[in-house]
């Protein structure tokens, strides 16, 4: 099989398409969470702490009259990113937990033992004769 045919078979397989949809939805979900953190969660926390915008929090390491030459440690933006990550990680944790719960429920169905299957096959063959 040529590499092109093999790649085409791989690219249109169900799992690759599912993964592509998941990546697209995940990207959109990430934007929603970022907006949630930046626009909904952080402003009230900033007001309560007396700091209006967390993303502007920084420690200046090297000051300069030229704003483009100021070196700073932007820990406010990092804090927003950490909160984004925690929310997304928690949502993924809940989703995986639910998926695993559904898989366990599927496995709970008792499997028919091999001996019973053989006895049924013998019974069916005897009925035929």
Protein backbone atom coordinates (compact mmCIF):
# COMPACT_ATOMS: atom_id res chain seq x y z
CA UNK A 1 0.00 0.00 0.00
CA UNK A 2 1.40 3.37 -0.94
CA UNK A 3 2.08 5.94 1.74
CA UNK A 4 -0.53 8.27 0.23
CA UNK A 5 -3.26 5.61 0.38
CA UNK A 6 -2.23 4.64 3.90
CA UNK A 7 -2.34 8.28 5.01
CA UNK A 8 -5.75 8.78 3.38
CA UNK A 9 -7.09 5.73 5.23
CA UNK A 10 -5.66 7.08 8.50
CA UNK A 11 -6.92 10.64 7.95
CA UNK A 12 -10.53 9.66 7.31
CA UNK A 13 -10.75 7.05 10.05
CA UNK A 14 -13.27 7.74 12.78
CA UNK A 15 -10.77 8.20 15.60
CA UNK A 16 -8.82 10.90 13.75
CA UNK A 17 -12.01 12.79 12.94
CA UNK A 18 -13.15 12.50 16.58
CA UNK A 19 -9.77 13.81 17.71
CA UNK A 20 -9.98 16.75 15.29
CA UNK A 21 -13.44 17.67 16.58
CA UNK A 22 -12.15 17.37 20.15
CA UNK A 23 -9.22 19.70 19.44
CA UNK A 24 -11.51 22.30 17.85
CA UNK A 25 -14.01 22.14 20.72
CA UNK A 26 -11.14 22.19 23.24
CA UNK A 27 -9.75 25.36 21.67
CA UNK A 28 -13.14 27.04 21.86
CA UNK A 29 -13.60 25.85 25.44
CA UNK A 30 -10.20 27.31 26.32
CA UNK A 31 -11.30 30.70 25.01
CA UNK A 32 -14.49 30.51 27.07
CA UNK A 33 -12.53 29.67 30.22
CA UNK A 34 -10.04 32.48 29.55
CA UNK A 35 -12.91 34.93 29.23
CA UNK A 36 -14.52 33.52 32.38
CA UNK A 37 -11.31 34.04 34.35
CA UNK A 38 -10.37 37.45 32.90
CA UNK A 39 -13.84 38.98 32.66
CA UNK A 40 -15.90 37.33 35.42
CA UNK A 41 -13.75 35.79 38.16
CA UNK A 42 -10.75 38.13 38.45
CA UNK A 43 -12.50 41.55 38.47
CA UNK A 44 -14.48 40.88 41.70
CA UNK A 45 -11.39 39.36 43.33
CA UNK A 46 -9.41 42.43 42.25
CA UNK A 47 -12.02 44.78 43.74
CA UNK A 48 -12.06 42.82 47.01
CA UNK A 49 -8.28 42.96 47.26
CA UNK A 50 -8.07 46.59 46.14
CA UNK A 51 -6.32 45.66 42.88
CA UNK A 52 -8.44 46.41 39.87
CA UNK A 53 -6.68 44.42 37.11
CA UNK A 54 -4.66 41.32 38.00
CA UNK A 55 -3.12 41.08 34.53
CA UNK A 56 -1.29 44.37 35.15
CA UNK A 57 0.44 43.12 38.33
CA UNK A 58 4.19 43.01 37.87
CA UNK A 59 7.53 43.46 39.57
CA UNK A 60 9.87 45.81 37.75
CA UNK A 61 13.33 44.27 37.54
CA UNK A 62 14.94 47.01 35.44
CA UNK A 63 13.38 50.43 35.05
CA UNK A 64 14.00 52.67 32.09
CA UNK A 65 12.64 55.95 30.76
CA UNK A 66 11.94 54.09 27.52
CA UNK A 67 8.88 51.86 28.14
CA UNK A 68 10.10 49.29 25.60
CA UNK A 69 13.28 48.71 27.66
CA UNK A 70 11.57 48.07 31.02
CA UNK A 71 12.17 44.52 32.25
CA UNK A 72 9.40 43.20 34.46
CA UNK A 73 8.11 39.99 36.00
CA UNK A 74 4.42 39.86 34.99
CA UNK A 75 3.03 37.65 37.73
CA UNK A 76 -0.56 38.92 37.30
CA UNK A 77 -0.86 37.49 33.78
CA UNK A 78 0.71 34.27 35.07
CA UNK A 79 -1.86 34.12 37.88
CA UNK A 80 -4.69 34.43 35.32
CA UNK A 81 -3.16 31.64 33.24
CA UNK A 82 -2.83 29.37 36.29
CA UNK A 83 -6.51 29.91 37.14
CA UNK A 84 -7.41 29.14 33.48
CA UNK A 85 -5.45 25.91 33.72
CA UNK A 86 -7.06 24.87 37.02
CA UNK A 87 -10.58 25.41 35.66
CA UNK A 88 -9.84 23.49 32.45
CA UNK A 89 -8.08 20.68 34.38
CA UNK A 90 -11.05 20.40 36.76
CA UNK A 91 -13.51 20.20 33.84
CA UNK A 92 -11.42 17.51 32.13
CA UNK A 93 -11.18 15.62 35.44
CA UNK A 94 -14.99 15.64 35.79
CA UNK A 95 -15.45 14.54 32.16
CA UNK A 96 -12.93 11.67 32.47
CA UNK A 97 -14.50 10.61 35.76
CA UNK A 98 -17.93 10.39 34.09
CA UNK A 99 -16.53 8.49 31.10
CA UNK A 100 -14.81 5.99 33.42
CA UNK A 101 -18.06 5.60 35.38
CA UNK A 102 -19.91 4.75 32.16
CA UNK A 103 -17.20 2.26 31.16
CA UNK A 104 -17.46 0.53 34.55
CA UNK A 105 -21.23 0.23 34.13
CA UNK A 106 -20.67 -1.45 30.75
CA UNK A 107 -18.21 -3.92 32.27
CA UNK A 108 -20.64 -4.85 35.07
CA UNK A 109 -22.69 -6.90 32.64
CA UNK A 110 -21.78 -10.49 33.50
CA UNK A 111 -19.90 -12.40 30.85
CA UNK A 112 -21.19 -15.82 29.99
CA UNK A 113 -18.71 -18.46 31.04
CA UNK A 114 -17.15 -20.59 28.33
CA UNK A 115 -18.61 -23.77 29.85
CA UNK A 116 -22.13 -22.37 29.58
CA UNK A 117 -21.54 -21.37 25.97
CA UNK A 118 -20.30 -24.88 25.16
CA UNK A 119 -23.29 -26.47 26.91
CA UNK A 120 -25.66 -24.23 24.96
CA UNK A 121 -23.96 -25.19 21.73
CA UNK A 122 -24.26 -28.90 22.60
CA UNK A 123 -27.92 -28.40 23.51
CA UNK A 124 -28.64 -26.64 20.24
CA UNK A 125 -26.87 -29.37 18.27
CA UNK A 126 -28.86 -32.07 20.09
CA UNK A 127 -32.10 -30.26 19.27
CA UNK A 128 -31.16 -30.26 15.60
CA UNK A 129 -30.66 -34.03 15.59
